[in-house]
C-alpha atoms as a PDB file:
ATOM      1  CA  UNK A   1     -31.908  41.827  -6.930  1.00  0.00           C
ATOM      2  CA  UNK A   2     -30.215  42.539  -3.601  1.00  0.00           C
ATOM      3  CA  UNK A   3     -30.686  39.934  -0.833  1.00  0.00           C
ATOM      4  CA  UNK A   4     -33.356  40.744   1.743  1.00  0.00           C
ATOM      5  CA  UNK A   5     -33.700  39.747   5.398  1.00  0.00           C
ATOM      6  CA  UNK A   6     -37.025  38.893   7.043  1.00  0.00           C
ATOM      7  CA  UNK A   7     -38.092  37.917  10.554  1.00  0.00           C
ATOM      8  CA  UNK A   8     -40.707  35.165  10.319  1.00  0.00           C
ATOM      9  CA  UNK A   9     -42.821  34.323  13.363  1.00  0.00           C
ATOM     10  CA  UNK A  10     -44.204  30.792  13.201  1.00  0.00           C
ATOM     11  CA  UNK A  11     -46.317  28.464  15.323  1.00  0.00           C
ATOM     12  CA  UNK A  12     -44.653  25.040  15.336  1.00  0.00           C
ATOM     13  CA  UNK A  13     -45.757  21.742  16.919  1.00  0.00           C
ATOM     14  CA  UNK A  14     -43.495  21.041  19.890  1.00  0.00           C
ATOM     15  CA  UNK A  15     -42.286  17.719  18.525  1.00  0.00           C
ATOM     16  CA  UNK A  16     -38.909  16.411  17.287  1.00  0.00           C
ATOM     17  CA  UNK A  17     -38.178  17.205  13.655  1.00  0.00           C
ATOM     18  CA  UNK A  18     -40.801  19.939  13.212  1.00  0.00           C
ATOM     19  CA  UNK A  19     -38.247  22.752  13.103  1.00  0.00           C
ATOM     20  CA  UNK A  20     -36.137  20.787  10.649  1.00  0.00           C
ATOM     21  CA  UNK A  21     -39.138  20.471   8.342  1.00  0.00           C
ATOM     22  CA  UNK A  22     -39.656  24.226   8.467  1.00  0.00           C
ATOM     23  CA  UNK A  23     -35.972  24.860   7.690  1.00  0.00           C
ATOM     24  CA  UNK A  24     -36.262  22.499   4.729  1.00  0.00           C
ATOM     25  CA  UNK A  25     -39.214  24.488   3.376  1.00  0.00           C
ATOM     26  CA  UNK A  26     -37.267  27.716   3.798  1.00  0.00           C
ATOM     27  CA  UNK A  27     -34.541  26.160   1.661  1.00  0.00           C
ATOM     28  CA  UNK A  28     -37.129  25.183  -0.958  1.00  0.00           C
ATOM     29  CA  UNK A  29     -37.986  28.894  -1.225  1.00  0.00           C
ATOM     30  CA  UNK A  30     -34.259  29.610  -1.790  1.00  0.00           C
ATOM     31  CA  UNK A  31     -33.997  31.078   1.709  1.00  0.00           C
ATOM     32  CA  UNK A  32     -31.330  30.667   4.380  1.00  0.00           C
ATOM     33  CA  UNK A  33     -32.139  30.520   8.109  1.00  0.00           C
ATOM     34  CA  UNK A  34     -29.487  32.625   9.900  1.00  0.00           C
ATOM     35  CA  UNK A  35     -30.956  32.762  13.431  1.00  0.00           C
ATOM     36  CA  UNK A  36     -33.711  31.175  15.526  1.00  0.00           C
ATOM     37  CA  UNK A  37     -35.334  32.405  18.748  1.00  0.00           C
ATOM     38  CA  UNK A  38     -37.923  30.555  20.832  1.00  0.00           C
ATOM     39  CA  UNK A  39     -40.412  33.158  22.078  1.00  0.00           C
ATOM     40  CA  UNK A  40     -42.838  30.939  23.954  1.00  0.00           C
ATOM     41  CA  UNK A  41     -43.723  27.294  24.537  1.00  0.00           C
ATOM     42  CA  UNK A  42     -46.862  25.672  25.875  1.00  0.00           C
ATOM     43  CA  UNK A  43     -49.901  23.617  24.985  1.00  0.00           C
ATOM     44  CA  UNK A  44     -47.874  21.348  22.692  1.00  0.00           C
ATOM     45  CA  UNK A  45     -46.755  24.216  20.455  1.00  0.00           C
ATOM     46  CA  UNK A  46     -43.823  26.613  20.262  1.00  0.00           C
ATOM     47  CA  UNK A  47     -43.720  30.138  18.878  1.00  0.00           C
ATOM     48  CA  UNK A  48     -40.404  30.736  17.125  1.00  0.00           C
ATOM     49  CA  UNK A  49     -38.891  33.619  15.213  1.00  0.00           C
ATOM     50  CA  UNK A  50     -36.674  32.754  12.273  1.00  0.00           C
ATOM     51  CA  UNK A  51     -34.316  35.246  10.665  1.00  0.00           C
ATOM     52  CA  UNK A  52     -34.366  34.336   6.968  1.00  0.00           C
ATOM     53  CA  UNK A  53     -32.270  35.726   4.146  1.00  0.00           C
ATOM     54  CA  UNK A  54     -33.798  35.608   0.660  1.00  0.00           C
ATOM     55  CA  UNK A  55     -31.891  36.290  -2.577  1.00  0.00           C
ATOM     56  CA  UNK A  56     -34.901  38.268  -3.863  1.00  0.00           C
ATOM     57  CA  UNK A  57     -37.581  40.098  -1.815  1.00  0.00           C
ATOM     58  CA  UNK A  58     -40.184  38.928  -4.330  1.00  0.00           C
ATOM     59  CA  UNK A  59     -39.788  35.397  -2.923  1.00  0.00           C
ATOM     60  CA  UNK A  60     -41.445  36.309   0.382  1.00  0.00           C
ATOM     61  CA  UNK A  61     -44.884  35.037  -0.709  1.00  0.00           C
ATOM     62  CA  UNK A  62     -43.294  31.763  -1.835  1.00  0.00           C
ATOM     63  CA  UNK A  63     -41.547  31.522   1.547  1.00  0.00           C
ATOM     64  CA  UNK A  64     -44.803  31.889   3.492  1.00  0.00           C
ATOM     65  CA  UNK A  65     -46.570  29.404   1.247  1.00  0.00           C
ATOM     66  CA  UNK A  66     -43.805  26.807   1.644  1.00  0.00           C
ATOM     67  CA  UNK A  67     -43.708  27.125   5.454  1.00  0.00           C
ATOM     68  CA  UNK A  68     -47.478  26.796   5.730  1.00  0.00           C
ATOM     69  CA  UNK A  69     -47.224  23.481   3.864  1.00  0.00           C
ATOM     70  CA  UNK A  70     -45.710  21.835   6.958  1.00  0.00           C
ATOM     71  CA  UNK A  71     -48.384  20.002   8.944  1.00  0.00           C
ATOM     72  CA  UNK A  72     -49.383  21.948  12.064  1.00  0.00           C
ATOM     73  CA  UNK A  73     -47.245  24.990  11.220  1.00  0.00           C
ATOM     74  CA  UNK A  74     -48.675  28.495  10.746  1.00  0.00           C
ATOM     75  CA  UNK A  75     -46.949  31.779   9.901  1.00  0.00           C
ATOM     76  CA  UNK A  76     -48.215  34.390  12.362  1.00  0.00           C
ATOM     77  CA  UNK A  77     -46.256  37.385  11.110  1.00  0.00           C
ATOM     78  CA  UNK A  78     -43.419  38.346   8.789  1.00  0.00           C
ATOM     79  CA  UNK A  79     -41.550  41.630   8.636  1.00  0.00           C
ATOM     80  CA  UNK A  80     -38.612  42.971   6.667  1.00  0.00           C
ATOM     81  CA  UNK A  81     -35.403  43.903   8.498  1.00  0.00           C
ATOM     82  CA  UNK A  82     -33.477  46.985   7.466  1.00  0.00           C
ATOM     83  CA  UNK A  83     -29.700  46.638   7.403  1.00  0.00           C
ATOM     84  CA  UNK A  84     -29.519  42.912   6.684  1.00  0.00           C
ATOM     85  CA  UNK A  85     -28.431  40.231   9.170  1.00  0.00           C
ATOM     86  CA  UNK A  86     -29.330  40.685  12.841  1.00  0.00           C
ATOM     87  CA  UNK A  87     -27.690  39.038  15.840  1.00  0.00           C
ATOM     88  CA  UNK A  88     -30.015  39.019  18.901  1.00  0.00           C
ATOM     89  CA  UNK A  89     -27.179  38.447  21.385  1.00  0.00           C
ATOM     90  CA  UNK A  90     -25.006  41.224  19.979  1.00  0.00           C
ATOM     91  CA  UNK A  91     -27.991  43.556  19.767  1.00  0.00           C
ATOM     92  CA  UNK A  92     -28.805  42.908  23.446  1.00  0.00           C
ATOM     93  CA  UNK A  93     -25.256  43.753  24.534  1.00  0.00           C
ATOM     94  CA  UNK A  94     -25.188  46.868  22.364  1.00  0.00           C
ATOM     95  CA  UNK A  95     -28.499  48.029  23.831  1.00  0.00           C
ATOM     96  CA  UNK A  96     -27.288  47.523  27.418  1.00  0.00           C
ATOM     97  CA  UNK A  97     -24.046  49.422  26.729  1.00  0.00           C
ATOM     98  CA  UNK A  98     -25.937  52.365  25.243  1.00  0.00           C
ATOM     99  CA  UNK A  99     -28.335  52.529  28.190  1.00  0.00           C
ATOM    100  CA  UNK A 100     -25.624  52.534  30.855  1.00  0.00           C
ATOM    101  CA  UNK A 101     -23.600  55.008  28.797  1.00  0.00           C
ATOM    102  CA  UNK A 102     -26.346  57.662  28.816  1.00  0.00           C
ATOM    103  CA  UNK A 103     -25.133  61.050  29.997  1.00  0.00           C
ATOM    104  CA  UNK A 104     -28.363  62.156  31.707  1.00  0.00           C
ATOM    105  CA  UNK A 105     -31.726  60.861  32.872  1.00  0.00           C
ATOM    106  CA  UNK A 106     -33.416  62.469  29.853  1.00  0.00           C
ATOM    107  CA  UNK A 107     -30.978  60.782  27.455  1.00  0.00           C
ATOM    108  CA  UNK A 108     -31.492  57.450  29.198  1.00  0.00           C
ATOM    109  CA  UNK A 109     -35.293  57.557  28.890  1.00  0.00           C
ATOM    110  CA  UNK A 110     -35.072  58.537  25.214  1.00  0.00           C
ATOM    111  CA  UNK A 111     -32.704  55.604  24.596  1.00  0.00           C
ATOM    112  CA  UNK A 112     -35.025  53.248  26.520  1.00  0.00           C
ATOM    113  CA  UNK A 113     -38.018  54.199  24.366  1.00  0.00           C
ATOM    114  CA  UNK A 114     -35.957  53.924  21.180  1.00  0.00           C
ATOM    115  CA  UNK A 115     -34.473  50.493  21.908  1.00  0.00           C
ATOM    116  CA  UNK A 116     -37.797  49.061  23.088  1.00  0.00           C
ATOM    117  CA  UNK A 117     -39.422  50.379  19.912  1.00  0.00           C
ATOM    118  CA  UNK A 118     -36.808  49.015  17.498  1.00  0.00           C
ATOM    119  CA  UNK A 119     -35.330  46.061  19.363  1.00  0.00           C
ATOM    120  CA  UNK A 120     -38.586  44.406  20.410  1.00  0.00           C
ATOM    121  CA  UNK A 121     -40.383  45.340  17.223  1.00  0.00           C
ATOM    122  CA  UNK A 122     -43.116  47.535  18.704  1.00  0.00           C
ATOM    123  CA  UNK A 123     -45.453  49.807  16.755  1.00  0.00           C
ATOM    124  CA  UNK A 124     -45.087  52.442  19.468  1.00  0.00           C
ATOM    125  CA  UNK A 125     -43.252  52.942  22.758  1.00  0.00           C
ATOM    126  CA  UNK A 126     -43.654  55.454  25.591  1.00  0.00           C
ATOM    127  CA  UNK A 127     -42.052  56.216  28.946  1.00  0.00           C
ATOM    128  CA  UNK A 128     -44.963  57.383  31.109  1.00  0.00           C
ATOM    129  CA  UNK A 129     -44.975  58.874  34.607  1.00  0.00           C
ATOM    130  CA  UNK A 130     -46.815  56.580  37.011  1.00  0.00           C
ATOM    131  CA  UNK A 131     -48.741  59.442  38.588  1.00  0.00           C
ATOM    132  CA  UNK A 132     -50.293  60.230  35.219  1.00  0.00           C
ATOM    133  CA  UNK A 133     -48.715  63.671  34.823  1.00  0.00           C
ATOM    134  CA  UNK A 134     -47.082  63.127  31.434  1.00  0.00           C
ATOM    135  CA  UNK A 135     -45.110  61.226  28.803  1.00  0.00           C
ATOM    136  CA  UNK A 136     -41.338  61.710  29.077  1.00  0.00           C
ATOM    137  CA  UNK A 137     -40.216  59.935  25.884  1.00  0.00           C
ATOM    138  CA  UNK A 138     -41.928  58.202  22.986  1.00  0.00           C
ATOM    139  CA  UNK A 139     -41.500  56.575  19.578  1.00  0.00           C
ATOM    140  CA  UNK A 140     -44.160  55.972  16.948  1.00  0.00           C
ATOM    141  CA  UNK A 141     -47.762  57.157  17.237  1.00  0.00           C
ATOM    142  CA  UNK A 142     -48.679  56.538  20.867  1.00  0.00           C
ATOM    143  CA  UNK A 143     -52.244  56.315  22.269  1.00  0.00           C
ATOM    144  CA  UNK A 144     -53.849  59.289  23.997  1.00  0.00           C
ATOM    145  CA  UNK A 145     -52.395  60.236  27.382  1.00  0.00           C
ATOM    146  CA  UNK A 146     -55.665  59.411  29.151  1.00  0.00           C
ATOM    147  CA  UNK A 147     -55.663  55.897  27.685  1.00  0.00           C
ATOM    148  CA  UNK A 148     -52.052  55.304  28.747  1.00  0.00           C
ATOM    149  CA  UNK A 149     -52.773  56.440  32.296  1.00  0.00           C
ATOM    150  CA  UNK A 150     -55.896  54.250  32.512  1.00  0.00           C
ATOM    151  CA  UNK A 151     -53.970  51.262  31.142  1.00  0.00           C
ATOM    152  CA  UNK A 152     -51.211  51.686  33.741  1.00  0.00           C
ATOM    153  CA  UNK A 153     -53.715  52.023  36.584  1.00  0.00           C
ATOM    154  CA  UNK A 154     -55.483  48.845  35.500  1.00  0.00           C
ATOM    155  CA  UNK A 155     -52.224  46.947  34.975  1.00  0.00           C
ATOM    156  CA  UNK A 156     -50.852  47.946  38.384  1.00  0.00           C
ATOM    157  CA  UNK A 157     -54.103  46.791  40.011  1.00  0.00           C
ATOM    158  CA  UNK A 158     -53.885  43.463  38.141  1.00  0.00           C
ATOM    159  CA  UNK A 159     -50.256  43.003  39.217  1.00  0.00           C
ATOM    160  CA  UNK A 160     -51.123  43.607  42.878  1.00  0.00           C
ATOM    161  CA  UNK A 161     -53.932  41.059  42.726  1.00  0.00           C
ATOM    162  CA  UNK A 162     -52.050  38.497  40.577  1.00  0.00           C
ATOM    163  CA  UNK A 163     -54.595  38.830  37.780  1.00  0.00           C
ATOM    164  CA  UNK A 164     -53.639  38.125  34.152  1.00  0.00           C
ATOM    165  CA  UNK A 165     -53.265  41.116  31.849  1.00  0.00           C
ATOM    166  CA  UNK A 166     -56.151  41.277  29.384  1.00  0.00           C
ATOM    167  CA  UNK A 167     -54.297  43.022  26.554  1.00  0.00           C
ATOM    168  CA  UNK A 168     -51.743  40.826  24.774  1.00  0.00           C
ATOM    169  CA  UNK A 169     -50.617  43.451  22.259  1.00  0.00           C
ATOM    170  CA  UNK A 170     -49.581  45.971  24.955  1.00  0.00           C
ATOM    171  CA  UNK A 171     -46.758  45.403  27.434  1.00  0.00           C
ATOM    172  CA  UNK A 172     -45.549  47.473  30.398  1.00  0.00           C
ATOM    173  CA  UNK A 173     -42.586  47.391  32.795  1.00  0.00           C
ATOM    174  CA  UNK A 174     -42.141  49.711  35.813  1.00  0.00           C
ATOM    175  CA  UNK A 175     -39.042  51.759  36.739  1.00  0.00           C
ATOM    176  CA  UNK A 176     -39.673  52.336  40.484  1.00  0.00           C
ATOM    177  CA  UNK A 177     -36.608  54.543  41.074  1.00  0.00           C
ATOM    178  CA  UNK A 178     -37.831  57.057  38.505  1.00  0.00           C
ATOM    179  CA  UNK A 179     -41.563  56.708  39.148  1.00  0.00           C
ATOM    180  CA  UNK A 180     -42.176  55.894  35.491  1.00  0.00           C
ATOM    181  CA  UNK A 181     -43.078  52.897  33.344  1.00  0.00           C
ATOM    182  CA  UNK A 182     -42.119  51.671  29.895  1.00  0.00           C
ATOM    183  CA  UNK A 183     -45.224  50.903  27.808  1.00  0.00           C
ATOM    184  CA  UNK A 184     -45.034  49.363  24.329  1.00  0.00           C
ATOM    185  CA  UNK A 185     -47.664  48.202  21.875  1.00  0.00           C
ATOM    186  CA  UNK A 186     -48.099  46.893  18.363  1.00  0.00           C
ATOM    187  CA  UNK A 187     -50.789  45.968  15.900  1.00  0.00           C
ATOM    188  CA  UNK A 188     -52.047  42.452  15.183  1.00  0.00           C
ATOM    189  CA  UNK A 189     -49.224  40.504  16.871  1.00  0.00           C
ATOM    190  CA  UNK A 190     -49.172  39.698  20.602  1.00  0.00           C
ATOM    191  CA  UNK A 191     -46.096  40.131  22.775  1.00  0.00           C
ATOM    192  CA  UNK A 192     -44.788  36.715  23.767  1.00  0.00           C
ATOM    193  CA  UNK A 193     -43.105  35.640  27.010  1.00  0.00           C
ATOM    194  CA  UNK A 194     -39.538  36.268  25.827  1.00  0.00           C
ATOM    195  CA  UNK A 195     -40.414  39.721  24.490  1.00  0.00           C
ATOM    196  CA  UNK A 196     -42.065  40.685  27.776  1.00  0.00           C
ATOM    197  CA  UNK A 197     -38.964  39.506  29.632  1.00  0.00           C
ATOM    198  CA  UNK A 198     -36.837  41.542  27.236  1.00  0.00           C
ATOM    199  CA  UNK A 199     -38.858  44.697  27.948  1.00  0.00           C
ATOM    200  CA  UNK A 200     -38.610  44.057  31.698  1.00  0.00           C
ATOM    201  CA  UNK A 201     -34.826  43.598  31.430  1.00  0.00           C
ATOM    202  CA  UNK A 202     -34.464  46.917  29.596  1.00  0.00           C
ATOM    203  CA  UNK A 203     -36.520  48.617  32.315  1.00  0.00           C
ATOM    204  CA  UNK A 204     -34.397  47.056  35.095  1.00  0.00           C
ATOM    205  CA  UNK A 205     -31.150  48.242  33.464  1.00  0.00           C
ATOM    206  CA  UNK A 206     -32.515  51.772  33.103  1.00  0.00           C
ATOM    207  CA  UNK A 207     -33.882  51.763  36.656  1.00  0.00           C
ATOM    208  CA  UNK A 208     -30.540  50.614  38.097  1.00  0.00           C
ATOM    209  CA  UNK A 209     -28.800  53.460  36.236  1.00  0.00           C
ATOM    210  CA  UNK A 210     -31.290  55.979  37.631  1.00  0.00           C
ATOM    211  CA  UNK A 211     -30.880  54.526  41.135  1.00  0.00           C
ATOM    212  CA  UNK A 212     -27.123  55.030  40.864  1.00  0.00           C
ATOM    213  CA  UNK A 213     -27.627  58.579  39.594  1.00  0.00           C
ATOM    214  CA  UNK A 214     -29.848  59.408  42.574  1.00  0.00           C
ATOM    215  CA  UNK A 215     -27.306  57.927  44.993  1.00  0.00           C
ATOM    216  CA  UNK A 216     -24.519  60.021  43.476  1.00  0.00           C
ATOM    217  CA  UNK A 217     -26.720  63.126  43.665  1.00  0.00           C
ATOM    218  CA  UNK A 218     -27.495  62.555  47.367  1.00  0.00           C
ATOM    219  CA  UNK A 219     -23.828  61.940  48.128  1.00  0.00           C
ATOM    220  CA  UNK A 220     -22.814  65.126  46.311  1.00  0.00           C
ATOM    221  CA  UNK A 221     -25.341  67.123  48.352  1.00  0.00           C
ATOM    222  CA  UNK A 222     -23.992  65.687  51.595  1.00  0.00           C
ATOM    223  CA  UNK A 223     -20.401  66.446  50.664  1.00  0.00           C
ATOM    224  CA  UNK A 224     -21.353  70.003  49.726  1.00  0.00           C
ATOM    225  CA  UNK A 225     -23.022  70.641  53.120  1.00  0.00           C
ATOM    226  CA  UNK A 226     -21.110  73.128  55.356  1.00  0.00           C
ATOM    227  CA  UNK A 227     -20.922  70.525  58.127  1.00  0.00           C
ATOM    228  CA  UNK A 228     -18.747  68.375  55.843  1.00  0.00           C
ATOM    229  CA  UNK A 229     -16.250  71.207  55.142  1.00  0.00           C
ATOM    230  CA  UNK A 230     -12.959  70.670  57.045  1.00  0.00           C
ATOM    231  CA  UNK A 231     -12.271  73.364  59.645  1.00  0.00           C
ATOM    232  CA  UNK A 232      -9.226  75.434  58.889  1.00  0.00           C
ATOM    233  CA  UNK A 233      -6.588  75.862  61.641  1.00  0.00           C
ATOM    234  CA  UNK A 234      -5.412  79.454  62.078  1.00  0.00           C
ATOM    235  CA  UNK A 235      -2.011  79.908  63.738  1.00  0.00           C
ATOM    236  CA  UNK A 236      -1.864  82.828  66.214  1.00  0.00           C
ATOM    237  CA  UNK A 237       1.191  84.535  67.571  1.00  0.00           C
ATOM    238  CA  UNK A 238       1.874  84.007  71.309  1.00  0.00           C
ATOM    239  CA  UNK A 239       0.763  86.858  73.564  1.00  0.00           C
ATOM    240  CA  UNK A 240       3.417  88.825  75.475  1.00  0.00           C
ATOM    241  CA  UNK A 241       4.248  87.071  78.723  1.00  0.00           C
ATOM    242  CA  UNK A 242       2.658  83.821  77.642  1.00  0.00           C
ATOM    243  CA  UNK A 243       4.539  80.723  78.651  1.00  0.00           C
ATOM    244  CA  UNK A 244       5.876  78.745  75.689  1.00  0.00           C
END
């Protein structure tokens, strides 16, 4: 069988040696841990994502069973990764380069929805206008437009009043320069602190690009104004009898 790569999200006691015990269990299932990300910490526990390579996809049940044997450790979610090994740092740089390399605002928003959908592991992603007039880009099966608009209105109210967001499986980040927001969601698994920061970073990169585009557009309009056109000097022949 061909090797398979999985991302395993686990709850681990925040104590020395706990992660080592989990890695040992992964090895017992004939797996190899190739990357680790800490998504959130608090309350004496950490939520980590492990990238695990298995020599046979059929071993995934054994992997989950072995990890759950560690005292205080629980597997929250596991998903297969297409294309084999993933490098979070390299993926982040590649995403940023593709966003800033977009040739138009439409291309940028499509790329933003796509990278948020794939890179953060969302079930769906949408770029929604803040005034509720429409959805500019999307991936996956998104909720109804009315629901998206109501969610954004409630989230903006909560942000203004420093209230916690009720929904943990939906995340949003505004792009003020464009008057839009990135909204992502997924089933069963909550978005953790690092993932929310990742979505916000993507939105900031896209918003900075759009800000620059608007500045260039305003500058081009100013330069094209007749008042900015240099006056041409027309040489005239001296009139008869004029003193030279």
